[in-house]
Amino acid sequence: MTEQPERNEDRPNLGSVIVRVLLAVALGLVIGALGTAVHRYGDESWYLGLVLALVLTASAAIMTRAWSGYSALLAFAGGWVVAVQLMSLRGSGGDVLVPAGTLGLVWTYAGVVLLGVTAFLPASWFREEPVRKAAATSSDPASGSVTSTEPPLGAK
């Protein structure tokens, strides 16, 4: 009799990965377009739209990485960059949504930096189970935990 190889239940199948990547691209397109549309909102002293657009970009990037890992983050980043760059081009009337000034450069490059920072965040932040088990939960005396009969510091 031949044995069937064990199937890894933790690993998602190809179909779900493709669906997640396509949804991440769509999310990147939406967030990039929305951020481009609102990044110039505010007055000369405080651009609230830029701050909100960058916070939205960072939170969506963190969400996609937590949701499906690097593949979804890369897909989100691709969609975001495509949306921002396409909306930076001159329109049919000659208008641009992302001017070549300081504000447009900050929006474009700070968003890319946030995507890069999200890619280099520790992987343990995105796991549901802890990496290390607490030594105190183990009842094995050889586990390396030290027990003491003295009261904790500061206790009277």
C-alpha atoms as a PDB file:
ATOM      1  CA  MET A   1       0.000   0.000   0.000  1.00  0.00           C
ATOM      2  CA  THR A   2       1.229   3.459  -0.826  1.00  0.00           C
ATOM      3  CA  GLU A   3       0.824   6.203   1.705  1.00  0.00           C
ATOM      4  CA  GLN A   4      -0.686   9.500   0.726  1.00  0.00           C
ATOM      5  CA  PRO A   5       1.539  12.478   1.495  1.00  0.00           C
ATOM      6  CA  GLU A   6       0.283  14.620   4.326  1.00  0.00           C
ATOM      7  CA  ARG A   7      -1.412  17.797   3.228  1.00  0.00           C
ATOM      8  CA  ASN A   8      -0.335  20.949   4.958  1.00  0.00           C
ATOM      9  CA  GLU A   9      -3.579  22.486   6.249  1.00  0.00           C
ATOM     10  CA  ASP A  10      -1.899  25.797   7.148  1.00  0.00           C
ATOM     11  CA  ARG A  11      -0.950  26.528   3.567  1.00  0.00           C
ATOM     12  CA  PRO A  12      -3.635  28.258   1.457  1.00  0.00           C
ATOM     13  CA  ASN A  13      -4.497  26.844  -1.943  1.00  0.00           C
ATOM     14  CA  LEU A  14      -3.592  28.605  -5.173  1.00  0.00           C
ATOM     15  CA  GLY A  15      -7.120  29.791  -5.890  1.00  0.00           C
ATOM     16  CA  SER A  16      -7.443  31.690  -2.620  1.00  0.00           C
ATOM     17  CA  VAL A  17      -4.003  33.259  -3.083  1.00  0.00           C
ATOM     18  CA  ILE A  18      -4.968  34.512  -6.558  1.00  0.00           C
ATOM     19  CA  VAL A  19      -8.238  35.955  -5.244  1.00  0.00           C
ATOM     20  CA  ARG A  20      -6.434  37.702  -2.382  1.00  0.00           C
ATOM     21  CA  VAL A  21      -3.820  39.149  -4.736  1.00  0.00           C
ATOM     22  CA  LEU A  22      -6.486  40.474  -7.103  1.00  0.00           C
ATOM     23  CA  LEU A  23      -8.405  42.013  -4.209  1.00  0.00           C
ATOM     24  CA  ALA A  24      -5.186  43.588  -2.912  1.00  0.00           C
ATOM     25  CA  VAL A  25      -4.526  45.141  -6.349  1.00  0.00           C
ATOM     26  CA  ALA A  26      -8.065  46.541  -6.377  1.00  0.00           C
ATOM     27  CA  LEU A  27      -7.599  47.908  -2.851  1.00  0.00           C
ATOM     28  CA  GLY A  28      -4.315  49.521  -3.892  1.00  0.00           C
ATOM     29  CA  LEU A  29      -5.988  51.183  -6.865  1.00  0.00           C
ATOM     30  CA  VAL A  30      -8.807  52.525  -4.681  1.00  0.00           C
ATOM     31  CA  ILE A  31      -6.559  53.772  -1.861  1.00  0.00           C
ATOM     32  CA  GLY A  32      -4.107  55.351  -4.326  1.00  0.00           C
ATOM     33  CA  ALA A  33      -6.902  57.138  -6.195  1.00  0.00           C
ATOM     34  CA  LEU A  34      -8.623  58.254  -3.000  1.00  0.00           C
ATOM     35  CA  GLY A  35      -5.388  59.503  -1.467  1.00  0.00           C
ATOM     36  CA  THR A  36      -4.477  61.359  -4.651  1.00  0.00           C
ATOM     37  CA  ALA A  37      -7.856  63.035  -4.696  1.00  0.00           C
ATOM     38  CA  VAL A  38      -7.700  64.234  -1.063  1.00  0.00           C
ATOM     39  CA  HIS A  39      -3.993  64.820  -0.410  1.00  0.00           C
ATOM     40  CA  ARG A  40      -4.234  68.548  -1.221  1.00  0.00           C
ATOM     41  CA  TYR A  41      -7.084  69.240   1.199  1.00  0.00           C
ATOM     42  CA  GLY A  42      -6.212  71.816   3.850  1.00  0.00           C
ATOM     43  CA  ASP A  43      -4.674  75.244   4.157  1.00  0.00           C
ATOM     44  CA  GLU A  44      -1.067  76.370   3.762  1.00  0.00           C
ATOM     45  CA  SER A  45      -0.155  75.714   7.384  1.00  0.00           C
ATOM     46  CA  TRP A  46      -1.655  72.218   7.778  1.00  0.00           C
ATOM     47  CA  TYR A  47      -2.535  69.768   5.051  1.00  0.00           C
ATOM     48  CA  LEU A  48      -4.994  67.485   6.777  1.00  0.00           C
ATOM     49  CA  GLY A  49      -5.707  65.635   3.523  1.00  0.00           C
ATOM     50  CA  LEU A  50      -2.060  64.616   3.126  1.00  0.00           C
ATOM     51  CA  VAL A  51      -1.901  63.266   6.675  1.00  0.00           C
ATOM     52  CA  LEU A  52      -5.149  61.342   6.260  1.00  0.00           C
ATOM     53  CA  ALA A  53      -4.086  59.946   2.883  1.00  0.00           C
ATOM     54  CA  LEU A  54      -0.757  58.722   4.294  1.00  0.00           C
ATOM     55  CA  VAL A  55      -2.431  57.201   7.365  1.00  0.00           C
ATOM     56  CA  LEU A  56      -4.927  55.440   5.097  1.00  0.00           C
ATOM     57  CA  THR A  57      -2.109  54.151   2.886  1.00  0.00           C
ATOM     58  CA  ALA A  58      -0.110  52.846   5.860  1.00  0.00           C
ATOM     59  CA  SER A  59      -3.090  51.187   7.515  1.00  0.00           C
ATOM     60  CA  ALA A  60      -4.202  49.503   4.279  1.00  0.00           C
ATOM     61  CA  ALA A  61      -0.651  48.266   3.640  1.00  0.00           C
ATOM     62  CA  ILE A  62      -0.430  46.812   7.151  1.00  0.00           C
ATOM     63  CA  MET A  63      -3.839  45.218   6.732  1.00  0.00           C
ATOM     64  CA  THR A  64      -2.912  43.548   3.433  1.00  0.00           C
ATOM     65  CA  ARG A  65       0.324  42.176   4.870  1.00  0.00           C
ATOM     66  CA  ALA A  66      -1.479  40.821   7.923  1.00  0.00           C
ATOM     67  CA  TRP A  67      -4.235  39.409   5.730  1.00  0.00           C
ATOM     68  CA  SER A  68      -2.163  37.489   3.224  1.00  0.00           C
ATOM     69  CA  GLY A  69       1.542  38.216   3.610  1.00  0.00           C
ATOM     70  CA  TYR A  70       4.051  39.609   1.162  1.00  0.00           C
ATOM     71  CA  SER A  71       2.176  38.618  -1.985  1.00  0.00           C
ATOM     72  CA  ALA A  72      -0.819  40.755  -1.035  1.00  0.00           C
ATOM     73  CA  LEU A  73       1.410  43.608   0.126  1.00  0.00           C
ATOM     74  CA  LEU A  74       3.279  43.589  -3.180  1.00  0.00           C
ATOM     75  CA  ALA A  75      -0.006  43.515  -5.098  1.00  0.00           C
ATOM     76  CA  PHE A  76      -1.378  46.385  -3.001  1.00  0.00           C
ATOM     77  CA  ALA A  77       1.787  48.408  -3.574  1.00  0.00           C
ATOM     78  CA  GLY A  78       1.587  47.790  -7.320  1.00  0.00           C
ATOM     79  CA  GLY A  79      -2.021  48.949  -7.462  1.00  0.00           C
ATOM     80  CA  TRP A  80      -1.243  51.990  -5.319  1.00  0.00           C
ATOM     81  CA  VAL A  81       1.717  53.062  -7.472  1.00  0.00           C
ATOM     82  CA  VAL A  82      -0.243  52.587 -10.707  1.00  0.00           C
ATOM     83  CA  ALA A  83      -3.162  54.685  -9.410  1.00  0.00           C
ATOM     84  CA  VAL A  84      -0.957  57.490  -8.114  1.00  0.00           C
ATOM     85  CA  GLN A  85       1.176  57.629 -11.248  1.00  0.00           C
ATOM     86  CA  LEU A  86      -1.783  57.525 -13.642  1.00  0.00           C
ATOM     87  CA  MET A  87      -3.519  60.295 -11.740  1.00  0.00           C
ATOM     88  CA  SER A  88      -0.309  62.349 -11.818  1.00  0.00           C
ATOM     89  CA  LEU A  89      -0.460  62.657 -15.594  1.00  0.00           C
ATOM     90  CA  ARG A  90      -1.981  65.684 -17.307  1.00  0.00           C
ATOM     91  CA  GLY A  91      -5.691  65.388 -18.005  1.00  0.00           C
ATOM     92  CA  SER A  92      -7.420  66.299 -21.257  1.00  0.00           C
ATOM     93  CA  GLY A  93      -7.892  69.891 -20.053  1.00  0.00           C
ATOM     94  CA  GLY A  94      -4.275  70.195 -18.900  1.00  0.00           C
ATOM     95  CA  ASP A  95      -5.072  69.789 -15.192  1.00  0.00           C
ATOM     96  CA  VAL A  96      -3.012  67.620 -12.856  1.00  0.00           C
ATOM     97  CA  LEU A  97      -4.047  66.185  -9.494  1.00  0.00           C
ATOM     98  CA  VAL A  98      -0.489  65.763  -8.254  1.00  0.00           C
ATOM     99  CA  PRO A  99       1.493  68.926  -8.975  1.00  0.00           C
ATOM    100  CA  ALA A 100       5.273  68.843  -9.207  1.00  0.00           C
ATOM    101  CA  GLY A 101       5.592  70.912  -6.013  1.00  0.00           C
ATOM    102  CA  THR A 102       6.545  69.906  -2.511  1.00  0.00           C
ATOM    103  CA  LEU A 103       3.112  68.571  -1.607  1.00  0.00           C
ATOM    104  CA  GLY A 104       2.922  66.280  -4.642  1.00  0.00           C
ATOM    105  CA  LEU A 105       6.417  64.957  -4.046  1.00  0.00           C
ATOM    106  CA  VAL A 106       5.706  64.309  -0.371  1.00  0.00           C
ATOM    107  CA  TRP A 107       2.518  62.420  -1.255  1.00  0.00           C
ATOM    108  CA  THR A 108       4.218  60.279  -3.885  1.00  0.00           C
ATOM    109  CA  TYR A 109       7.470  59.465  -2.113  1.00  0.00           C
ATOM    110  CA  ALA A 110       6.171  59.264   1.465  1.00  0.00           C
ATOM    111  CA  GLY A 111       3.589  56.731   0.319  1.00  0.00           C
ATOM    112  CA  VAL A 112       6.288  54.590  -1.283  1.00  0.00           C
ATOM    113  CA  VAL A 113       8.407  54.850   1.881  1.00  0.00           C
ATOM    114  CA  LEU A 114       5.442  53.738   3.999  1.00  0.00           C
ATOM    115  CA  LEU A 115       4.946  50.726   1.731  1.00  0.00           C
ATOM    116  CA  GLY A 116       8.632  49.851   2.109  1.00  0.00           C
ATOM    117  CA  VAL A 117       8.545  50.261   5.880  1.00  0.00           C
ATOM    118  CA  THR A 118       5.527  47.954   6.046  1.00  0.00           C
ATOM    119  CA  ALA A 119       7.446  45.305   4.120  1.00  0.00           C
ATOM    120  CA  PHE A 120      10.266  45.348   6.686  1.00  0.00           C
ATOM    121  CA  LEU A 121       8.142  45.201   9.836  1.00  0.00           C
ATOM    122  CA  PRO A 122       8.836  42.083  11.935  1.00  0.00           C
ATOM    123  CA  ALA A 123       6.921  39.026  10.801  1.00  0.00           C
ATOM    124  CA  SER A 124       6.025  38.196  14.409  1.00  0.00           C
ATOM    125  CA  TRP A 125       3.718  41.236  14.450  1.00  0.00           C
ATOM    126  CA  PHE A 126       1.528  39.555  11.846  1.00  0.00           C
ATOM    127  CA  ARG A 127       1.253  36.060  13.360  1.00  0.00           C
ATOM    128  CA  GLU A 128      -1.767  34.921  15.304  1.00  0.00           C
ATOM    129  CA  GLU A 129       0.132  32.474  17.491  1.00  0.00           C
ATOM    130  CA  PRO A 130       3.052  33.580  19.677  1.00  0.00           C
ATOM    131  CA  VAL A 131       6.544  32.700  18.504  1.00  0.00           C
ATOM    132  CA  ARG A 132       7.890  31.849  21.943  1.00  0.00           C
ATOM    133  CA  LYS A 133       5.943  30.079  24.646  1.00  0.00           C
ATOM    134  CA  ALA A 134       6.211  31.591  28.093  1.00  0.00           C
ATOM    135  CA  ALA A 135       8.494  29.568  30.349  1.00  0.00           C
ATOM    136  CA  ALA A 136       6.252  30.270  33.314  1.00  0.00           C
ATOM    137  CA  THR A 137       3.388  28.260  31.844  1.00  0.00           C
ATOM    138  CA  SER A 138       5.470  25.123  31.836  1.00  0.00           C
ATOM    139  CA  SER A 139       5.256  22.946  34.950  1.00  0.00           C
ATOM    140  CA  ASP A 140       8.465  21.098  34.043  1.00  0.00           C
ATOM    141  CA  PRO A 141      11.156  21.940  36.638  1.00  0.00           C
ATOM    142  CA  ALA A 142      13.864  21.443  34.012  1.00  0.00           C
ATOM    143  CA  SER A 143      12.358  24.147  31.799  1.00  0.00           C
ATOM    144  CA  GLY A 144      14.701  26.749  33.220  1.00  0.00           C
ATOM    145  CA  SER A 145      12.168  28.679  35.280  1.00  0.00           C
ATOM    146  CA  VAL A 146      13.288  29.733  38.716  1.00  0.00           C
ATOM    147  CA  THR A 147      10.890  29.654  41.612  1.00  0.00           C
ATOM    148  CA  SER A 148      11.472  31.643  44.734  1.00  0.00           C
ATOM    149  CA  THR A 149       9.859  31.709  48.146  1.00  0.00           C
ATOM    150  CA  GLU A 150      10.658  35.391  48.615  1.00  0.00           C
ATOM    151  CA  PRO A 151       7.890  37.960  48.093  1.00  0.00           C
ATOM    152  CA  PRO A 152       8.107  40.146  44.988  1.00  0.00           C
ATOM    153  CA  LEU A 153       9.997  43.417  45.175  1.00  0.00           C
ATOM    154  CA  GLY A 154       8.016  46.198  46.761  1.00  0.00           C
ATOM    155  CA  ALA A 155       5.670  43.827  48.620  1.00  0.00           C
ATOM    156  CA  LYS A 156       5.457  44.345  52.398  1.00  0.00           C
END
